[in-house]
N, C-alpha and C. Protein backbone atom coordinates (compact mmCIF):
# COMPACT_ATOMS: atom_id res chain seq x y z
N MET A 1 0.76 -1.18 -0.14
CA MET A 1 0.10 -0.06 0.02
C MET A 1 0.87 1.23 -0.12
N LYS A 2 0.30 2.19 -0.66
CA LYS A 2 0.99 3.63 -0.67
C LYS A 2 0.14 4.63 0.06
N ALA A 3 0.68 5.47 0.83
CA ALA A 3 -0.12 6.55 1.42
C ALA A 3 0.78 7.97 1.36
N LEU A 4 -0.01 9.05 1.13
CA LEU A 4 0.55 10.41 1.19
C LEU A 4 -0.43 11.05 2.09
N VAL A 5 0.20 11.81 3.13
CA VAL A 5 -0.69 12.76 3.94
C VAL A 5 -0.14 14.07 3.95
N GLU A 6 -1.11 14.95 3.42
CA GLU A 6 -0.65 16.34 3.26
C GLU A 6 -0.96 17.11 4.76
N GLY A 7 -0.01 17.85 5.32
CA GLY A 7 -0.34 18.51 6.38
C GLY A 7 -0.99 19.96 6.02
N PRO A 8 -1.46 20.60 7.00
CA PRO A 8 -1.41 20.12 8.49
C PRO A 8 -2.46 19.03 8.71
N ALA A 9 -2.26 18.15 9.39
CA ALA A 9 -2.91 16.78 9.59
C ALA A 9 -2.66 16.15 10.74
N GLU A 10 -3.55 15.38 11.34
CA GLU A 10 -3.56 14.72 12.67
C GLU A 10 -4.06 13.33 12.30
N PHE A 11 -3.30 12.20 12.69
CA PHE A 11 -3.84 11.08 12.12
C PHE A 11 -3.04 9.92 13.29
N ILE A 12 -3.80 8.81 13.35
CA ILE A 12 -3.08 7.65 14.20
C ILE A 12 -3.20 6.56 13.29
N LEU A 13 -1.84 5.87 13.21
CA LEU A 13 -1.84 4.53 12.33
C LEU A 13 -2.35 3.47 13.36
N LYS A 14 -3.45 2.92 13.56
CA LYS A 14 -4.02 1.96 14.57
C LYS A 14 -3.34 0.63 14.08
N SER A 15 -3.30 0.28 13.00
CA SER A 15 -2.64 -1.07 12.58
C SER A 15 -2.38 -0.95 10.96
N LYS A 16 -1.92 -2.03 10.48
CA LYS A 16 -1.67 -1.89 9.00
C LYS A 16 -2.58 -1.84 8.11
N ASP A 17 -3.98 -1.97 8.49
CA ASP A 17 -5.03 -1.85 7.86
C ASP A 17 -6.07 -0.74 8.36
N ARG A 18 -5.52 -0.01 9.06
CA ARG A 18 -6.43 1.13 9.84
C ARG A 18 -5.79 2.34 10.08
N VAL A 19 -6.54 3.48 9.74
CA VAL A 19 -5.94 4.77 10.12
C VAL A 19 -7.11 5.45 10.63
N ASP A 20 -6.94 6.32 11.67
CA ASP A 20 -7.94 7.21 12.28
C ASP A 20 -7.28 8.63 11.74
N LEU A 21 -8.22 9.30 10.94
CA LEU A 21 -7.79 10.79 10.30
C LEU A 21 -8.56 11.66 11.02
N LYS A 22 -8.05 12.66 11.81
CA LYS A 22 -8.91 13.68 12.67
C LYS A 22 -8.99 15.04 11.65
N TYR A 23 -8.00 15.28 10.94
CA TYR A 23 -8.11 16.30 9.89
C TYR A 23 -6.83 16.16 9.00
N GLY A 24 -7.03 16.68 7.79
CA GLY A 24 -5.79 16.87 6.82
C GLY A 24 -6.34 16.14 5.35
N THR A 25 -5.48 16.03 4.61
CA THR A 25 -5.68 15.53 3.34
C THR A 25 -4.93 14.14 3.17
N ALA A 26 -5.39 13.09 2.81
CA ALA A 26 -4.64 11.90 2.62
C ALA A 26 -5.20 11.23 1.25
N TRP A 27 -4.10 10.56 0.74
CA TRP A 27 -4.35 9.86 -0.47
C TRP A 27 -3.79 8.30 -0.22
N PHE A 28 -4.52 7.34 -0.80
CA PHE A 28 -4.08 6.11 -0.44
C PHE A 28 -4.20 5.19 -1.75
N GLN A 29 -3.51 4.34 -2.08
CA GLN A 29 -3.26 3.39 -3.14
C GLN A 29 -3.12 1.88 -2.59
N VAL A 30 -4.21 1.17 -2.74
CA VAL A 30 -4.38 -0.19 -1.84
C VAL A 30 -4.33 -1.06 -2.92
N PRO A 31 -3.30 -2.05 -2.98
CA PRO A 31 -3.36 -3.07 -4.09
C PRO A 31 -4.37 -4.18 -3.99
N GLU A 32 -4.74 -4.86 -5.18
CA GLU A 32 -5.50 -5.97 -4.99
C GLU A 32 -5.12 -6.90 -4.08
N GLY A 33 -6.11 -7.60 -3.32
CA GLY A 33 -5.67 -8.54 -2.23
C GLY A 33 -5.64 -7.87 -0.84
N ALA A 34 -5.71 -6.63 -0.87
CA ALA A 34 -5.42 -5.83 0.38
C ALA A 34 -6.94 -5.12 0.80
N GLN A 35 -7.88 -5.70 0.34
CA GLN A 35 -9.09 -5.11 0.38
C GLN A 35 -9.52 -5.04 2.01
N GLY A 36 -10.16 -3.95 2.37
CA GLY A 36 -10.53 -3.90 3.83
C GLY A 36 -9.63 -2.96 4.52
N PHE A 37 -8.84 -2.27 3.91
CA PHE A 37 -7.99 -1.08 4.50
C PHE A 37 -9.34 0.00 4.81
N THR A 38 -9.08 0.44 5.93
CA THR A 38 -10.11 1.48 6.64
C THR A 38 -9.44 2.80 6.96
N VAL A 39 -10.13 3.73 6.73
CA VAL A 39 -10.02 5.16 7.16
C VAL A 39 -11.11 5.58 7.85
N SER A 40 -10.92 5.93 9.14
CA SER A 40 -12.10 6.51 10.05
C SER A 40 -11.87 7.96 10.33
N THR A 41 -12.85 8.50 10.26
CA THR A 41 -12.99 10.05 10.68
C THR A 41 -13.95 10.21 11.75
N GLN A 42 -14.08 11.38 12.21
CA GLN A 42 -15.19 11.77 13.19
C GLN A 42 -16.49 11.40 12.63
N ASN A 43 -16.60 11.51 11.37
CA ASN A 43 -18.05 11.49 10.72
C ASN A 43 -18.25 10.31 9.88
N MET A 44 -17.28 9.55 9.47
CA MET A 44 -17.47 8.62 8.48
C MET A 44 -16.33 7.53 8.60
N GLU A 45 -16.77 6.21 7.98
CA GLU A 45 -15.60 5.26 7.76
C GLU A 45 -15.69 4.86 6.33
N VAL A 46 -14.37 4.80 5.69
CA VAL A 46 -14.14 4.39 4.37
C VAL A 46 -13.49 3.22 4.33
N VAL A 47 -14.07 2.18 3.58
CA VAL A 47 -13.49 0.96 3.50
C VAL A 47 -13.33 0.66 1.99
N ASP A 48 -11.76 0.40 1.90
CA ASP A 48 -11.31 0.15 0.42
C ASP A 48 -11.73 -1.23 -0.13
N LEU A 49 -11.93 -1.24 -1.21
CA LEU A 49 -12.58 -2.37 -1.88
C LEU A 49 -11.48 -2.74 -3.04
N GLY A 50 -10.18 -2.27 -2.87
CA GLY A 50 -9.12 -2.54 -3.87
C GLY A 50 -9.12 -1.25 -4.77
N THR A 51 -8.60 -0.30 -4.47
CA THR A 51 -8.66 1.11 -5.11
C THR A 51 -7.49 2.15 -4.85
N GLU A 52 -7.91 3.24 -5.30
CA GLU A 52 -7.07 4.51 -5.15
C GLU A 52 -7.94 5.43 -4.83
N PHE A 53 -7.92 6.29 -3.70
CA PHE A 53 -8.76 7.18 -3.35
C PHE A 53 -7.98 8.14 -2.21
N GLY A 54 -8.78 9.34 -2.10
CA GLY A 54 -8.34 10.35 -1.26
C GLY A 54 -9.54 10.80 -0.29
N VAL A 55 -9.09 11.43 0.85
CA VAL A 55 -9.98 11.79 2.09
C VAL A 55 -9.48 13.09 2.30
N LEU A 56 -10.43 14.10 2.49
CA LEU A 56 -10.37 15.49 2.83
C LEU A 56 -11.13 15.68 4.04
N ILE A 57 -10.40 16.07 5.20
CA ILE A 57 -11.14 16.61 6.21
C ILE A 57 -10.74 17.95 6.88
N ARG A 58 -11.44 18.81 6.93
CA ARG A 58 -10.93 20.15 7.34
C ARG A 58 -11.22 20.18 8.75
N GLU A 59 -10.49 21.10 9.44
CA GLU A 59 -10.52 21.31 10.91
C GLU A 59 -11.53 22.20 11.38
N GLU A 60 -11.87 23.33 10.47
CA GLU A 60 -12.67 24.19 10.86
C GLU A 60 -14.15 23.50 10.73
N GLU A 61 -14.99 24.06 11.65
CA GLU A 61 -16.55 23.73 11.70
C GLU A 61 -17.22 24.03 10.52
N GLY A 62 -18.23 23.32 10.06
CA GLY A 62 -19.10 23.60 8.92
C GLY A 62 -18.71 22.97 7.86
N HIS A 63 -17.35 22.32 7.72
CA HIS A 63 -16.89 21.78 6.50
C HIS A 63 -17.25 20.34 6.57
N ARG A 64 -17.64 19.72 5.35
CA ARG A 64 -18.18 18.34 5.33
C ARG A 64 -16.85 17.37 4.86
N ASP A 65 -16.84 16.28 5.44
CA ASP A 65 -15.63 15.41 5.06
C ASP A 65 -15.96 14.97 3.61
N GLN A 66 -14.75 14.58 2.69
CA GLN A 66 -14.88 14.39 1.41
C GLN A 66 -14.26 13.04 1.17
N VAL A 67 -14.74 12.22 0.43
CA VAL A 67 -14.01 11.00 -0.39
C VAL A 67 -13.95 11.36 -1.87
N HIS A 68 -12.85 11.20 -2.37
CA HIS A 68 -12.61 11.18 -3.89
C HIS A 68 -12.07 9.86 -4.28
N VAL A 69 -12.77 8.94 -5.13
CA VAL A 69 -12.29 7.74 -5.59
C VAL A 69 -11.77 7.99 -6.98
N ILE A 70 -10.40 7.72 -7.20
CA ILE A 70 -9.72 7.88 -8.36
C ILE A 70 -9.88 6.63 -9.21
N LYS A 71 -9.84 5.63 -8.56
CA LYS A 71 -10.02 4.15 -9.29
C LYS A 71 -10.52 3.13 -8.29
N GLY A 72 -11.48 2.40 -8.93
CA GLY A 72 -11.89 1.30 -8.03
C GLY A 72 -13.23 1.70 -7.23
N LEU A 73 -13.48 1.11 -6.18
CA LEU A 73 -14.48 1.26 -5.24
C LEU A 73 -14.24 1.27 -3.76
N VAL A 74 -14.83 2.00 -3.16
CA VAL A 74 -14.91 2.13 -1.71
C VAL A 74 -16.38 2.10 -1.05
N GLU A 75 -16.43 1.75 0.19
CA GLU A 75 -17.73 1.67 0.91
C GLU A 75 -17.66 2.65 2.02
N VAL A 76 -18.49 3.61 2.01
CA VAL A 76 -18.70 4.65 3.07
C VAL A 76 -19.88 4.48 3.86
N ALA A 77 -19.55 4.70 5.14
CA ALA A 77 -20.65 4.62 6.21
C ALA A 77 -20.50 5.82 7.08
N ASN A 78 -21.65 6.45 7.54
CA ASN A 78 -21.46 7.58 8.31
C ASN A 78 -22.27 7.32 9.70
C-alpha cells in the first residue's frame, strides 16, 4: 500500500489496515488482495475495496468530510 498525507494533518496509524484521520488530506493506493483497509474520521468510515482514493477532512467547523475515488470502489458509512 502507498499513502501520502498532506499537512497540516492529525492521524493515528492504528494497524497495518486502519488509520484514524482527525483532519488533513490523505491519498491511499491499496493493491488488489489488500481489500478492507479502513480510514475512520469523526463523521465517516471509508473501507477500501481494492482502489485508489483520497480523503479530505478540514479542521474548521461547517466543512463536510470528502472522499474522492480515483480508481476502483470504496464503501462509505457515516
